[in-house]
Amino acid sequence: MDHVINGMKSHYEVLLDWFVEEHKSGKYKKLSDNPYYDEIKALIDSMNILRKYLGWETIKLKDEVKFYMEG
């Protein structure tokens, strides 16, 4: 099952970069206002189902954005 997550990861990383860049523009108060929100949320939800099945920690968009905004 981890091979499926690995396949999704490359798409997730690109989309997360776009999401964070858009968020850095300061145009959006909430994460859900970002135009990439629905797409990245769907991908995270899909990956988290598999991550839970494997006993892995789930991904939280808020934490990911915070990490990339500080870094």
Protein backbone atom coordinates (compact mmCIF):
# COMPACT_ATOMS: atom_id res chain seq x y z
CA MET A 1 0.00 0.00 0.00
CA ASP A 2 2.89 2.36 0.64
CA HIS A 3 3.72 2.27 -3.08
CA VAL A 4 0.36 3.93 -3.77
CA ILE A 5 1.17 6.73 -1.30
CA ASN A 6 4.59 7.15 -2.89
CA GLY A 7 2.91 7.56 -6.28
CA MET A 8 0.58 10.21 -4.90
CA LYS A 9 3.39 11.99 -3.05
CA SER A 10 4.94 13.60 -6.13
CA HIS A 11 1.59 15.15 -7.07
CA TYR A 12 1.04 16.23 -3.48
CA GLU A 13 4.43 17.94 -3.23
CA VAL A 14 3.85 19.99 -6.40
CA LEU A 15 0.34 20.93 -5.35
CA LEU A 16 1.52 21.85 -1.86
CA ASP A 17 4.17 24.15 -3.37
CA TRP A 18 1.49 25.89 -5.44
CA PHE A 19 -0.82 26.12 -2.45
CA VAL A 20 1.85 27.64 -0.19
CA GLU A 21 3.00 30.11 -2.85
CA GLU A 22 -0.57 31.25 -3.34
CA HIS A 23 -1.07 31.49 0.43
CA LYS A 24 2.08 33.61 0.79
CA SER A 25 0.45 36.23 -1.43
CA GLY A 26 -1.61 37.28 1.57
CA LYS A 27 -4.85 37.37 -0.42
CA TYR A 28 -6.57 34.71 1.71
CA LYS A 29 -7.59 34.78 5.36
CA LYS A 30 -8.52 31.09 5.58
CA LEU A 31 -6.84 28.09 4.00
CA SER A 32 -10.16 27.20 2.39
CA ASP A 33 -10.14 30.51 0.48
CA ASN A 34 -7.06 29.40 -1.47
CA PRO A 35 -7.98 28.33 -5.04
CA TYR A 36 -5.97 25.09 -4.62
CA TYR A 37 -7.75 24.11 -1.41
CA ASP A 38 -10.34 21.69 -2.80
CA GLU A 39 -7.75 19.85 -4.86
CA ILE A 40 -5.15 19.51 -2.11
CA LYS A 41 -7.80 18.62 0.48
CA ALA A 42 -9.07 15.78 -1.72
CA LEU A 43 -5.53 14.47 -2.18
CA ILE A 44 -4.75 14.68 1.55
CA ASP A 45 -8.01 12.92 2.43
CA SER A 46 -7.16 10.12 -0.01
CA MET A 47 -3.63 9.72 1.30
CA ASN A 48 -4.81 9.81 4.92
CA ILE A 49 -7.15 6.88 4.39
CA LEU A 50 -4.18 4.82 3.25
CA ARG A 51 -1.90 6.22 5.96
CA LYS A 52 -4.41 5.25 8.66
CA TYR A 53 -4.65 1.75 7.18
CA LEU A 54 -0.86 1.45 7.39
CA GLY A 55 -0.79 2.84 10.94
CA TRP A 56 1.05 5.99 9.87
CA GLU A 57 0.48 9.50 11.14
CA THR A 58 -1.99 11.50 9.08
CA ILE A 59 -1.24 14.71 7.21
CA LYS A 60 -2.84 17.97 8.34
CA LEU A 61 -2.86 20.81 5.82
CA LYS A 62 -2.65 23.44 8.56
CA ASP A 63 0.55 21.88 9.91
CA GLU A 64 2.07 21.50 6.44
CA VAL A 65 1.40 25.14 5.56
CA LYS A 66 2.77 26.32 8.90
CA PHE A 67 5.96 24.29 8.36
CA TYR A 68 6.52 25.70 4.85
CA MET A 69 5.63 29.27 5.80
CA GLU A 70 8.18 29.25 8.62
CA GLY A 71 10.87 27.50 6.59
